[in-house]
Amino acid sequence: MKILFIGAVEGSKIAFDALVDAGIRPSHVLTLPPERAKRHSDFVDIGAPARRIGSEALYSDDINDALTLEKIETIRPDLCLIIGWSQICHQRFRGIARLGNIGFHPAALPKMRGRAVIPWTILLNLPKTAASLFWLDEGVDSGDILAQTEITVAADETAQSLYKKQTDALASMLPAAVMSVLDGTAKRIPQDHSEASYCAKRTPADGRINWADPAAKIARFIRAVGAPYPGAFTTTRHGPLWIDTACLPPKPIDYIGIPGQIQAIRENSFTVLCGDYKSIDVLNWRAPSGSKLRQHSILGAGASR
């Protein structure tokens, strides 16, 4: 059996390793060329680990490109696994593999189809989500479900911690799911399309903090868009200030000031007033070289007062 594994992100590498550990070795791997690494904030080149186990590594930045499709048609894979590849696979691709094409999506399909699902899950303050393996069809994340694992979203969940929960679930599900496809026992559970919802794409610019928002919403926003994604940022007179970790103060103090104003600076943290006149404590941040935080400076406008 020939298995073509397609992916280019950290979750792809985790899934690939899970298959290999289970004794399932893809014959071929297709991934992004390293010079296109900026397409994903969590890019991983899985070509090298593929070659180490004897798999042939192919590189492409377009799964629907004619030359790429010709290469895949020459391979004649029995099954294609698309794990961490941000393109819709068109009909010509989907018609190549004899047994079909399996994709992964970090949501409880049919809910939350589309892009940036992990950040949106936290931004929406959802208590639960799921990891889903599904059969590719002509739609966006709309094919029949092969396997699905429910995941609890913690009250203090971060993008990084939810990403790990998703990749752990993926690594646990994938080997058994692949074996079920190979032995002919795989499930095909139709999605209820009337229950579908769609997540919009997010860009690095969407990480800008709106200090007019309530403190709890801003703290959740920072958790939602952090690593492995581009992160939350504001501006100072010296340039962008990236905020990696923040929380609501354990003992809130009533500050009177302007939303976005720095109210206190300590050795390892500083406090910012938010739109509901409550505050957040910033614990980890990245400032422009040479910049210095000043108490009572206003964040978000590119100016200091």
Protein backbone atom coordinates (compact mmCIF):
# COMPACT_ATOMS: atom_id res chain seq x y z
CA MET A 1 0.00 0.00 0.00
CA LYS A 2 1.33 3.43 -0.95
CA ILE A 3 0.47 6.28 1.41
CA LEU A 4 1.18 9.89 0.43
CA PHE A 5 1.45 12.17 3.47
CA ILE A 6 0.95 15.89 2.82
CA GLY A 7 1.69 18.57 5.42
CA ALA A 8 3.95 21.44 6.44
CA VAL A 9 3.29 22.41 10.08
CA GLU A 10 4.18 21.23 13.57
CA GLY A 11 1.01 19.12 13.75
CA SER A 12 2.01 17.43 10.48
CA LYS A 13 5.31 16.29 12.00
CA ILE A 14 3.54 15.01 15.12
CA ALA A 15 1.07 13.05 12.98
CA PHE A 16 3.85 11.69 10.76
CA ASP A 17 5.80 10.51 13.81
CA ALA A 18 2.68 8.85 15.26
CA LEU A 19 2.21 6.85 12.06
CA VAL A 20 5.86 5.77 11.96
CA ASP A 21 5.78 4.76 15.64
CA ALA A 22 2.72 2.62 14.88
CA GLY A 23 4.55 0.86 12.06
CA ILE A 24 2.77 2.76 9.26
CA ARG A 25 5.40 4.28 6.98
CA PRO A 26 4.19 6.63 4.25
CA SER A 27 5.91 5.81 0.99
CA HIS A 28 5.98 9.49 0.00
CA VAL A 29 5.76 12.87 1.74
CA LEU A 30 4.85 16.17 0.10
CA THR A 31 5.67 19.37 1.98
CA LEU A 32 6.42 23.05 1.40
CA PRO A 33 9.88 24.05 0.21
CA PRO A 34 11.75 25.70 3.12
CA GLU A 35 11.87 29.04 1.28
CA ARG A 36 8.06 29.18 1.66
CA ALA A 37 8.22 28.70 5.44
CA LYS A 38 6.59 32.10 6.09
CA ARG A 39 3.27 30.74 4.82
CA HIS A 40 2.78 29.10 8.25
CA SER A 41 3.80 30.50 11.64
CA ASP A 42 4.20 26.87 12.81
CA PHE A 43 6.04 25.64 9.70
CA VAL A 44 8.04 22.39 9.94
CA ASP A 45 9.94 20.83 7.04
CA ILE A 46 9.02 17.13 7.24
CA GLY A 47 11.15 16.26 4.23
CA ALA A 48 14.23 15.42 6.31
CA PRO A 49 12.46 13.05 8.77
CA ALA A 50 10.73 11.41 5.81
CA ARG A 51 14.02 10.68 4.08
CA ARG A 52 15.47 9.27 7.30
CA ILE A 53 12.89 6.47 7.30
CA GLY A 54 13.18 5.82 3.58
CA SER A 55 10.18 7.84 2.37
CA GLU A 56 10.57 9.90 -0.78
CA ALA A 57 10.20 13.63 -0.13
CA LEU A 58 8.52 15.92 -2.65
CA TYR A 59 8.22 19.71 -2.43
CA SER A 60 5.45 21.96 -3.74
CA ASP A 61 3.66 25.15 -2.74
CA ASP A 62 0.48 24.32 -4.67
CA ILE A 63 -1.27 20.97 -4.36
CA ASN A 64 -3.32 21.72 -7.48
CA ASP A 65 -0.36 22.71 -9.68
CA ALA A 66 -0.18 20.66 -12.89
CA LEU A 67 3.41 19.51 -12.33
CA THR A 68 2.64 18.53 -8.73
CA LEU A 69 -0.41 16.56 -9.83
CA GLU A 70 1.62 14.78 -12.51
CA LYS A 71 4.13 13.67 -9.87
CA ILE A 72 1.34 12.38 -7.61
CA GLU A 73 -0.32 10.57 -10.50
CA THR A 74 3.00 8.88 -11.27
CA ILE A 75 3.22 7.68 -7.65
CA ARG A 76 -0.34 6.26 -7.81
CA PRO A 77 -0.92 6.38 -4.04
CA ASP A 78 -3.60 4.17 -2.50
CA LEU A 79 -4.36 6.76 0.20
CA CYS A 80 -3.56 10.45 0.69
CA LEU A 81 -3.36 12.05 4.16
CA ILE A 82 -3.61 15.84 4.16
CA ILE A 83 -2.56 16.99 7.63
CA GLY A 84 -1.68 20.68 7.90
CA TRP A 85 -1.98 22.04 4.36
CA SER A 86 -3.84 25.31 3.82
CA GLN A 87 -5.27 24.78 0.35
CA ILE A 88 -8.53 23.30 -0.95
CA CYS A 89 -7.77 20.12 -2.90
CA HIS A 90 -9.47 20.21 -6.31
CA GLN A 91 -11.16 17.35 -8.13
CA ARG A 92 -8.13 16.19 -10.12
CA PHE A 93 -6.15 15.69 -6.90
CA ARG A 94 -9.05 14.05 -5.07
CA GLY A 95 -9.47 11.53 -7.88
CA ILE A 96 -5.94 10.13 -7.71
CA ALA A 97 -5.81 7.99 -4.56
CA ARG A 98 -7.64 4.66 -4.90
CA LEU A 99 -8.93 4.61 -1.33
CA GLY A 100 -9.58 8.34 -0.99
CA ASN A 101 -8.18 11.32 0.87
CA ILE A 102 -8.27 12.00 4.61
CA GLY A 103 -7.96 15.45 6.17
CA PHE A 104 -7.69 16.77 9.73
CA HIS A 105 -9.55 19.71 11.25
CA PRO A 106 -9.20 21.03 14.85
CA ALA A 107 -12.91 21.49 15.53
CA ALA A 108 -16.12 19.58 16.17
CA LEU A 109 -17.22 19.38 12.54
CA PRO A 110 -19.59 20.49 11.12
CA LYS A 111 -19.04 23.41 13.52
CA MET A 112 -16.21 25.84 12.83
CA ARG A 113 -15.12 24.87 9.36
CA GLY A 114 -12.51 27.12 7.79
CA ARG A 115 -9.42 28.96 9.06
CA ALA A 116 -7.75 29.97 12.35
CA VAL A 117 -9.95 27.56 14.27
CA ILE A 118 -7.87 27.33 17.45
CA PRO A 119 -7.77 31.11 18.03
CA TRP A 120 -11.50 31.41 17.24
CA THR A 121 -12.30 28.60 19.70
CA ILE A 122 -10.71 30.59 22.54
CA LEU A 123 -12.02 33.95 21.36
CA LEU A 124 -15.57 32.55 21.43
CA ASN A 125 -14.94 31.22 24.95
CA LEU A 126 -16.20 27.75 23.97
CA PRO A 127 -16.15 25.10 26.74
CA LYS A 128 -15.63 22.19 24.33
CA THR A 129 -14.28 21.45 20.89
CA ALA A 130 -13.06 18.34 19.05
CA ALA A 131 -10.38 16.94 16.78
CA SER A 132 -11.82 15.58 13.52
CA LEU A 133 -10.53 13.31 10.78
CA PHE A 134 -12.72 13.47 7.68
CA TRP A 135 -12.93 12.37 4.05
CA LEU A 136 -12.16 15.18 1.62
CA ASP A 137 -14.92 16.22 -0.76
CA GLU A 138 -15.50 19.26 -2.98
CA GLY A 139 -16.37 21.54 -0.06
CA VAL A 140 -14.47 23.19 2.79
CA ASP A 141 -14.08 20.72 5.68
CA SER A 142 -17.46 19.26 4.68
CA GLY A 143 -16.71 15.60 3.99
CA ASP A 144 -17.91 12.58 5.95
CA ILE A 145 -16.39 12.10 9.41
CA LEU A 146 -13.91 9.25 9.83
CA ALA A 147 -13.09 9.81 13.52
CA GLN A 148 -13.67 12.52 16.10
CA THR A 149 -12.38 13.08 19.66
CA GLU A 150 -13.96 15.58 22.06
CA ILE A 151 -11.65 18.08 23.77
CA THR A 152 -12.38 20.19 26.86
CA VAL A 153 -11.30 23.82 26.60
CA ALA A 154 -9.95 25.11 29.92
CA ALA A 155 -10.96 28.50 31.31
CA ASP A 156 -7.34 29.68 30.98
CA GLU A 157 -6.65 27.90 27.67
CA THR A 158 -3.96 29.37 25.44
CA ALA A 159 -3.44 28.83 21.73
CA GLN A 160 -0.33 26.82 22.57
CA SER A 161 -2.07 24.54 25.09
CA LEU A 162 -5.07 23.96 22.82
CA TYR A 163 -2.75 23.28 19.87
CA LYS A 164 -1.08 20.57 21.98
CA LYS A 165 -4.43 19.06 22.94
CA GLN A 166 -5.37 18.95 19.26
CA THR A 167 -2.10 17.38 18.12
CA ASP A 168 -2.20 14.86 20.98
CA ALA A 169 -5.69 13.83 19.86
CA LEU A 170 -4.54 13.67 16.24
CA ALA A 171 -1.56 11.46 17.11
CA SER A 172 -3.85 9.16 19.11
CA MET A 173 -6.55 8.87 16.42
CA LEU A 174 -4.62 8.75 13.19
CA PRO A 175 -2.89 5.34 13.18
CA ALA A 176 -6.09 3.41 13.97
CA ALA A 177 -8.05 5.50 11.48
CA VAL A 178 -5.54 4.78 8.72
CA MET A 179 -5.59 1.07 9.50
CA SER A 180 -9.38 1.08 9.27
CA VAL A 181 -9.16 2.63 5.80
CA LEU A 182 -6.58 0.06 4.68
CA ASP A 183 -8.58 -2.92 5.99
CA GLY A 184 -11.93 -1.65 4.67
CA THR A 185 -13.64 -1.01 8.04
CA ALA A 186 -13.43 2.81 8.01
CA LYS A 187 -16.46 4.88 9.01
CA ARG A 188 -18.18 7.48 6.86
CA ILE A 189 -20.50 9.56 9.02
CA PRO A 190 -22.20 12.33 6.99
CA GLN A 191 -21.98 15.82 8.45
CA ASP A 192 -25.20 17.69 9.20
CA HIS A 193 -24.60 20.67 6.93
CA SER A 194 -27.47 22.60 8.52
CA GLU A 195 -25.31 22.80 11.67
CA ALA A 196 -22.24 24.15 9.86
CA SER A 197 -20.46 27.37 10.80
CA TYR A 198 -17.39 28.94 9.19
CA CYS A 199 -14.34 30.64 10.71
CA ALA A 200 -12.79 33.59 8.89
CA LYS A 201 -9.10 33.77 8.08
CA ARG A 202 -6.98 35.75 10.55
CA THR A 203 -3.84 37.71 9.65
CA PRO A 204 -1.01 39.03 11.86
CA ALA A 205 -2.66 42.48 11.74
CA ASP A 206 -5.71 40.99 13.51
CA GLY A 207 -3.53 40.61 16.61
CA ARG A 208 -3.80 44.32 17.43
CA ILE A 209 -5.20 44.83 20.95
CA ASN A 210 -8.21 47.12 21.34
CA TRP A 211 -7.75 48.68 24.77
CA ALA A 212 -11.38 49.86 24.71
CA ASP A 213 -12.43 46.23 25.26
CA PRO A 214 -13.10 44.88 28.78
CA ALA A 215 -10.10 43.50 30.66
CA ALA A 216 -11.35 39.89 30.62
CA LYS A 217 -11.85 40.03 26.85
CA ILE A 218 -8.36 41.44 26.28
CA ALA A 219 -6.78 38.76 28.49
CA ARG A 220 -8.63 36.07 26.50
CA PHE A 221 -7.59 37.72 23.22
CA ILE A 222 -3.92 37.58 24.20
CA ARG A 223 -4.27 33.88 25.11
CA ALA A 224 -6.06 33.14 21.84
CA VAL A 225 -3.65 34.63 19.31
CA GLY A 226 -0.30 33.77 20.89
CA ALA A 227 2.24 31.10 19.91
CA PRO A 228 2.30 29.20 17.63
CA TYR A 229 0.39 32.06 15.92
CA PRO A 230 1.76 35.59 15.32
CA GLY A 231 0.58 37.02 18.65
CA ALA A 232 -1.10 40.05 20.23
CA PHE A 233 0.44 43.49 19.90
CA THR A 234 -0.05 47.13 20.67
CA THR A 235 2.02 50.20 19.76
CA THR A 236 4.32 52.62 21.54
CA ARG A 237 6.20 55.64 20.22
CA HIS A 238 9.09 53.24 19.52
CA GLY A 239 7.03 50.77 17.48
CA PRO A 240 5.07 47.54 18.12
CA LEU A 241 5.00 46.00 21.58
CA TRP A 242 4.18 42.26 21.50
CA ILE A 243 2.37 40.92 24.56
CA ASP A 244 2.84 37.17 25.02
CA THR A 245 1.34 36.58 28.46
CA ALA A 246 -1.13 38.61 30.53
CA CYS A 247 -3.70 37.93 33.24
CA LEU A 248 -6.32 39.59 35.38
CA PRO A 249 -4.75 40.83 38.64
CA PRO A 250 -5.33 38.47 41.60
CA LYS A 251 -6.04 41.52 43.78
CA PRO A 252 -7.53 44.20 41.49
CA ILE A 253 -6.75 47.84 42.23
CA ASP A 254 -9.08 50.64 41.17
CA TYR A 255 -7.19 52.86 38.76
CA ILE A 256 -8.52 56.09 37.31
CA GLY A 257 -7.14 56.78 33.89
CA ILE A 258 -7.44 56.23 30.14
CA PRO A 259 -7.92 52.79 28.51
CA GLY A 260 -4.51 51.66 27.25
CA GLN A 261 -2.66 53.67 29.89
CA ILE A 262 0.15 51.98 31.84
CA GLN A 263 -0.79 52.35 35.49
CA ALA A 264 2.09 50.56 37.24
CA ILE A 265 5.50 49.21 36.27
CA ARG A 266 7.24 46.48 38.28
CA GLU A 267 10.47 44.57 37.75
CA ASN A 268 8.82 41.70 35.84
CA SER A 269 5.37 43.01 34.89
CA PHE A 270 3.30 46.09 34.22
CA THR A 271 -0.40 46.95 34.52
CA VAL A 272 -2.60 48.44 31.80
CA LEU A 273 -6.08 49.94 32.21
CA CYS A 274 -8.77 48.55 29.89
CA GLY A 275 -12.08 49.80 28.52
CA ASP A 276 -14.20 48.71 31.50
CA TYR A 277 -11.78 50.52 33.85
CA LYS A 278 -10.44 47.21 35.08
CA SER A 279 -6.86 46.26 34.36
CA ILE A 280 -4.63 43.45 33.16
CA ASP A 281 -1.12 42.56 34.31
CA VAL A 282 1.31 42.00 31.42
CA LEU A 283 3.81 39.29 32.39
CA ASN A 284 5.78 38.60 29.21
CA TRP A 285 6.33 40.97 26.32
CA ARG A 286 8.71 41.83 23.48
CA ALA A 287 9.58 45.48 23.01
CA PRO A 288 11.51 47.21 20.23
CA SER A 289 15.25 47.43 20.81
CA GLY A 290 16.11 50.42 22.95
CA SER A 291 12.55 51.17 24.01
CA LYS A 292 11.62 51.79 27.61
CA LEU A 293 8.18 51.53 29.16
CA ARG A 294 7.04 54.58 31.07
CA GLN A 295 4.28 54.83 33.62
CA HIS A 296 1.17 56.67 32.36
CA SER A 297 2.18 56.13 28.69
CA ILE A 298 -0.77 55.40 26.43
CA LEU A 299 -0.53 52.17 24.45
CA GLY A 300 -2.17 51.61 21.11
CA ALA A 301 -1.80 55.02 19.49
CA GLY A 302 1.89 54.99 18.74
CA ALA A 303 2.43 57.91 21.09
CA SER A 304 3.62 58.46 24.62
CA ARG A 305 2.23 61.02 27.02
